[in-house]
Amino acid sequence: MTEVAPPPGALAMTGLRARARAARRTAIVPLSCSLALIAFSQSLAERAPAGKETLPLAVLALTLFLTALPALAVTQAVWGARMRAVRGREQELYASPPGTPLRTLSRLSVGAGWAVTLLLGCTVPRPFRESGLYGLAHALGQVTEGLALVGSAAGVCFAVWWASEAWGQSARAGRPGGSPGDPWDPDRLARRRKGTTLRASATLDAGAVLRASPGLQVGAVVAVGALVGARAHLWEPATVTLYALLAAVLVCGVVTGE
């Protein structure tokens, strides 16, 4: 008798949030896998003897980089469009969107991922030069120089936009009488009861438990960082360790969907 029905549009809001979460997962997987695969292939190319043995790894790194750019652009554009739809609907229902303190950090992380991807792409001509294909290496070098200039300009624009958005969000958070939040948000209750639910439910399969574990997300980030660090010569792991780190990224990112 005391249960309050959700306001008009609350069910549609839930669907929009679910689509945004799915788009986020779809965008994060190509980003993490692209960084891991490009860094892995380039690290193997550096360890291979100079000559014909380097060429297949150089071609692999170039192919991965050319595939990563449109994949990241498309998936992140879809993610951004669905998030804008969510924020627009929240504005209509609740006068102002509920606060999301992690949104600023996630945007910065995605920008950093793009920067590292472009930096890895700028080193693609080197293995071709070591393979003896000097003409192709020179042509790729000119392309990467132009790409670096475009990436630098885009990075400056992103930094200005991100700083303005972060400042605006902090200013809105300090205003009195802000948004009361969404009492029908299914994520709020799920976050509060997630630990109890995982312990009490006997019907969850192993895959569901893995998908719900934030530890796997942290593991994927650590493995990607380790591969990029090995490519940057911050440490010199064994080749077997590189394969193990790549397998960890694929398991944590692709198999579990996180």
Protein backbone atom coordinates (compact mmCIF):
# COMPACT_ATOMS: atom_id res chain seq x y z
CA MET A 1 0.00 0.00 0.00
CA THR A 2 2.92 2.35 0.69
CA GLU A 3 4.89 1.47 -2.44
CA VAL A 4 5.32 4.48 -4.72
CA ALA A 5 5.08 3.91 -8.45
CA PRO A 6 7.99 5.18 -10.54
CA PRO A 7 7.41 8.45 -12.36
CA PRO A 8 6.63 8.50 -16.08
CA GLY A 9 9.73 7.70 -18.06
CA ALA A 10 11.56 5.84 -15.30
CA LEU A 11 11.40 2.53 -17.15
CA ALA A 12 12.70 4.18 -20.30
CA MET A 13 15.47 5.71 -18.18
CA THR A 14 16.48 2.26 -16.99
CA GLY A 15 16.68 1.03 -20.57
CA LEU A 16 18.80 4.01 -21.63
CA ARG A 17 21.21 3.37 -18.77
CA ALA A 18 21.48 -0.29 -19.68
CA ARG A 19 22.31 0.59 -23.28
CA ALA A 20 24.90 3.11 -22.09
CA ARG A 21 26.56 0.50 -19.85
CA ALA A 22 26.67 -1.96 -22.76
CA ALA A 23 28.23 0.70 -25.00
CA ARG A 24 30.80 1.46 -22.30
CA ARG A 25 31.85 -2.18 -22.10
CA THR A 26 32.00 -2.35 -25.91
CA ALA A 27 34.26 0.73 -25.99
CA ILE A 28 36.61 -0.35 -23.19
CA VAL A 29 37.35 -3.79 -24.63
CA PRO A 30 38.78 -2.52 -27.99
CA LEU A 31 40.78 0.15 -26.16
CA SER A 32 42.44 -2.25 -23.73
CA CYS A 33 42.96 -4.97 -26.33
CA SER A 34 44.38 -2.53 -28.88
CA LEU A 35 46.94 -1.19 -26.42
CA ALA A 36 47.89 -4.69 -25.31
CA LEU A 37 48.18 -6.21 -28.80
CA ILE A 38 50.12 -3.31 -30.33
CA ALA A 39 52.55 -3.13 -27.42
CA PHE A 40 52.94 -6.92 -27.45
CA SER A 41 53.64 -7.15 -31.19
CA GLN A 42 56.11 -4.27 -31.10
CA SER A 43 57.93 -5.76 -28.12
CA LEU A 44 58.30 -9.06 -29.97
CA ALA A 45 59.51 -7.20 -33.09
CA GLU A 46 62.24 -5.52 -31.06
CA ARG A 47 63.41 -8.85 -29.69
CA ALA A 48 63.46 -10.56 -33.09
CA PRO A 49 66.70 -10.54 -35.10
CA ALA A 50 66.85 -7.65 -37.55
CA GLY A 51 65.93 -8.71 -41.06
CA LYS A 52 63.21 -10.88 -42.51
CA GLU A 53 62.14 -12.22 -39.11
CA THR A 54 61.13 -8.70 -38.04
CA LEU A 55 58.92 -8.06 -41.08
CA PRO A 56 55.89 -10.24 -40.12
CA LEU A 57 55.75 -8.66 -36.67
CA ALA A 58 56.07 -5.20 -38.20
CA VAL A 59 53.18 -5.92 -40.56
CA LEU A 60 51.15 -7.27 -37.65
CA ALA A 61 51.76 -4.12 -35.59
CA LEU A 62 50.78 -1.88 -38.51
CA THR A 63 47.62 -3.90 -39.17
CA LEU A 64 46.62 -3.76 -35.51
CA PHE A 65 47.16 0.00 -35.39
CA LEU A 66 45.15 0.66 -38.56
CA THR A 67 42.36 -1.55 -37.22
CA ALA A 68 42.40 0.04 -33.77
CA LEU A 69 41.83 3.63 -34.91
CA PRO A 70 38.38 3.16 -36.54
CA ALA A 71 37.34 0.62 -33.90
CA LEU A 72 38.08 3.06 -31.07
CA ALA A 73 36.44 5.96 -32.91
CA VAL A 74 33.20 4.08 -33.65
CA THR A 75 32.76 2.39 -30.26
CA GLN A 76 33.52 5.54 -28.29
CA ALA A 77 31.23 7.63 -30.49
CA VAL A 78 28.37 5.22 -29.77
CA TRP A 79 29.23 5.31 -26.06
CA GLY A 80 29.19 9.11 -26.05
CA ALA A 81 25.89 9.30 -27.93
CA ARG A 82 24.17 6.94 -25.50
CA MET A 83 25.57 8.79 -22.50
CA ARG A 84 24.27 12.08 -23.89
CA ALA A 85 20.85 10.47 -24.29
CA VAL A 86 20.97 9.37 -20.65
CA ARG A 87 21.96 12.82 -19.41
CA GLY A 88 19.29 14.48 -21.54
CA ARG A 89 16.61 12.19 -20.13
CA GLU A 90 17.86 12.77 -16.60
CA GLN A 91 17.62 16.50 -17.20
CA GLU A 92 13.99 16.11 -18.24
CA LEU A 93 12.99 13.87 -15.33
CA TYR A 94 15.01 15.22 -12.42
CA ALA A 95 15.69 18.87 -13.39
CA SER A 96 19.44 18.28 -13.17
CA PRO A 97 21.42 15.08 -13.72
CA PRO A 98 22.57 13.21 -10.59
CA GLY A 99 26.21 13.74 -9.71
CA THR A 100 28.76 11.39 -11.27
CA PRO A 101 32.18 12.09 -9.73
CA LEU A 102 33.88 9.32 -11.74
CA ARG A 103 32.77 10.72 -15.10
CA THR A 104 35.61 13.24 -15.19
CA LEU A 105 38.19 10.56 -14.37
CA SER A 106 36.82 8.16 -16.99
CA ARG A 107 37.04 10.83 -19.69
CA LEU A 108 40.64 11.54 -18.75
CA SER A 109 41.44 7.81 -18.84
CA VAL A 110 39.97 7.45 -22.33
CA GLY A 111 41.97 10.46 -23.50
CA ALA A 112 45.14 8.93 -22.06
CA GLY A 113 44.35 5.68 -23.86
CA TRP A 114 44.10 7.53 -27.17
CA ALA A 115 47.41 9.30 -26.50
CA VAL A 116 49.23 6.03 -25.77
CA THR A 117 47.71 4.40 -28.86
CA LEU A 118 48.96 7.23 -31.08
CA LEU A 119 52.40 7.09 -29.46
CA LEU A 120 52.60 3.37 -30.20
CA GLY A 121 51.50 4.05 -33.76
CA CYS A 122 54.25 6.61 -34.25
CA THR A 123 56.85 3.88 -33.61
CA VAL A 124 55.47 1.58 -36.33
CA PRO A 125 58.01 2.64 -39.03
CA ARG A 126 61.02 1.55 -36.98
CA PRO A 127 60.69 -2.25 -37.45
CA PHE A 128 60.19 -1.75 -41.20
CA ARG A 129 63.44 0.20 -41.28
CA GLU A 130 65.18 -2.59 -39.40
CA SER A 131 63.77 -5.08 -41.92
CA GLY A 132 65.47 -3.20 -44.77
CA LEU A 133 62.33 -1.64 -46.27
CA TYR A 134 63.64 1.91 -46.14
CA GLY A 135 61.23 3.32 -48.71
CA LEU A 136 58.18 2.02 -46.89
CA ALA A 137 59.61 3.11 -43.55
CA HIS A 138 60.15 6.63 -44.89
CA ALA A 139 56.58 6.83 -46.24
CA LEU A 140 55.15 5.55 -42.96
CA GLY A 141 57.31 8.02 -41.08
CA GLN A 142 55.79 10.93 -43.01
CA VAL A 143 52.29 9.62 -42.31
CA THR A 144 53.00 9.23 -38.61
CA GLU A 145 54.43 12.75 -38.44
CA GLY A 146 51.18 14.13 -39.80
CA LEU A 147 49.22 11.90 -37.46
CA ALA A 148 51.28 13.17 -34.53
CA LEU A 149 50.47 16.78 -35.44
CA VAL A 150 46.75 16.01 -35.72
CA GLY A 151 46.86 14.07 -32.46
CA SER A 152 48.63 16.93 -30.68
CA ALA A 153 46.01 19.43 -31.84
CA ALA A 154 43.21 17.07 -30.81
CA GLY A 155 44.90 16.56 -27.45
CA VAL A 156 45.01 20.31 -26.78
CA CYS A 157 41.33 20.65 -27.69
CA PHE A 158 40.47 17.70 -25.47
CA ALA A 159 42.44 19.15 -22.54
CA VAL A 160 40.64 22.49 -22.81
CA TRP A 161 37.23 20.81 -23.10
CA TRP A 162 37.97 18.41 -20.24
CA ALA A 163 39.15 21.22 -17.93
CA SER A 164 36.04 23.30 -18.65
CA GLU A 165 33.75 20.30 -18.06
CA ALA A 166 35.56 19.39 -14.83
CA TRP A 167 35.33 22.98 -13.59
CA GLY A 168 31.65 23.17 -14.47
CA GLN A 169 30.89 19.90 -12.73
CA SER A 170 32.69 20.94 -9.55
CA ALA A 171 30.86 24.28 -9.59
CA ARG A 172 27.49 22.57 -9.99
CA ALA A 173 28.30 20.15 -7.20
CA GLY A 174 28.90 23.03 -4.81
CA ARG A 175 25.53 24.68 -5.42
CA PRO A 176 22.89 24.24 -2.72
CA GLY A 177 19.72 22.43 -3.58
CA GLY A 178 21.16 20.24 -6.27
CA SER A 179 19.60 17.18 -7.83
CA PRO A 180 17.98 14.83 -5.29
CA GLY A 181 19.15 11.90 -7.36
CA ASP A 182 17.11 9.11 -8.82
CA PRO A 183 15.31 6.98 -6.20
CA TRP A 184 14.40 4.47 -8.92
CA ASP A 185 17.99 4.00 -10.05
CA PRO A 186 18.48 0.20 -10.09
CA ASP A 187 22.26 0.60 -9.90
CA ARG A 188 22.14 2.34 -6.54
CA LEU A 189 20.54 -0.59 -4.76
CA ALA A 190 22.62 -3.07 -6.74
CA ARG A 191 25.85 -1.37 -5.69
CA ARG A 192 24.77 -1.36 -2.07
CA ARG A 193 23.76 -5.02 -2.02
CA LYS A 194 26.21 -6.46 -4.51
CA GLY A 195 28.44 -8.10 -1.92
CA THR A 196 25.51 -9.65 -0.06
CA THR A 197 23.91 -10.77 -3.30
CA LEU A 198 27.05 -12.49 -4.52
CA ARG A 199 27.43 -14.36 -1.21
CA ALA A 200 23.78 -15.27 -0.79
CA SER A 201 22.80 -16.25 -4.30
CA ALA A 202 23.37 -19.91 -5.05
CA THR A 203 22.20 -19.68 -8.63
CA LEU A 204 24.93 -17.42 -10.02
CA ASP A 205 27.23 -19.20 -12.40
CA ALA A 206 30.98 -18.69 -12.50
CA GLY A 207 30.79 -16.37 -15.49
CA ALA A 208 28.38 -14.03 -13.73
CA VAL A 209 30.62 -13.85 -10.67
CA LEU A 210 33.61 -13.07 -12.90
CA ARG A 211 31.71 -10.35 -14.74
CA ALA A 212 30.66 -8.77 -11.44
CA SER A 213 34.18 -8.75 -9.98
CA PRO A 214 35.94 -5.35 -10.14
CA GLY A 215 39.21 -7.16 -9.46
CA LEU A 216 39.28 -8.40 -13.05
CA GLN A 217 38.95 -4.85 -14.33
CA VAL A 218 41.92 -3.84 -12.18
CA GLY A 219 43.82 -6.89 -13.46
CA ALA A 220 43.21 -5.87 -17.06
CA VAL A 221 44.44 -2.32 -16.37
CA VAL A 222 47.57 -3.62 -14.63
CA ALA A 223 48.33 -6.07 -17.45
CA VAL A 224 47.89 -3.39 -20.12
CA GLY A 225 50.09 -1.01 -18.15
CA ALA A 226 52.75 -3.71 -17.80
CA LEU A 227 52.78 -4.38 -21.55
CA VAL A 228 52.99 -0.68 -22.38
CA GLY A 229 55.74 -0.29 -19.78
CA ALA A 230 57.67 -3.14 -21.37
CA ARG A 231 57.30 -1.48 -24.77
CA ALA A 232 58.61 1.77 -23.28
CA HIS A 233 61.56 -0.15 -21.74
CA LEU A 234 60.53 0.74 -18.22
CA TRP A 235 61.21 -2.91 -17.42
CA GLU A 236 62.48 -5.90 -19.39
CA PRO A 237 60.25 -8.94 -18.82
CA ALA A 238 60.86 -12.32 -20.37
CA THR A 239 59.01 -13.26 -23.54
CA VAL A 240 56.93 -15.79 -21.60
CA THR A 241 55.85 -13.00 -19.28
CA LEU A 242 54.69 -10.95 -22.27
CA TYR A 243 52.52 -13.83 -23.44
CA ALA A 244 51.11 -14.24 -19.92
CA LEU A 245 50.25 -10.54 -19.69
CA LEU A 246 48.53 -10.61 -23.08
CA ALA A 247 46.53 -13.67 -22.04
CA ALA A 248 45.49 -11.87 -18.85
CA VAL A 249 44.21 -8.89 -20.83
CA LEU A 250 42.22 -11.11 -23.18
CA VAL A 251 40.71 -13.13 -20.34
CA CYS A 252 39.83 -10.12 -18.19
CA GLY A 253 38.63 -7.98 -21.09
CA VAL A 254 37.15 -10.24 -23.74
CA VAL A 255 36.08 -13.45 -22.03
CA THR A 256 34.45 -11.78 -19.03
CA GLY A 257 33.14 -8.79 -20.95
CA GLU A 258 34.70 -6.30 -18.53
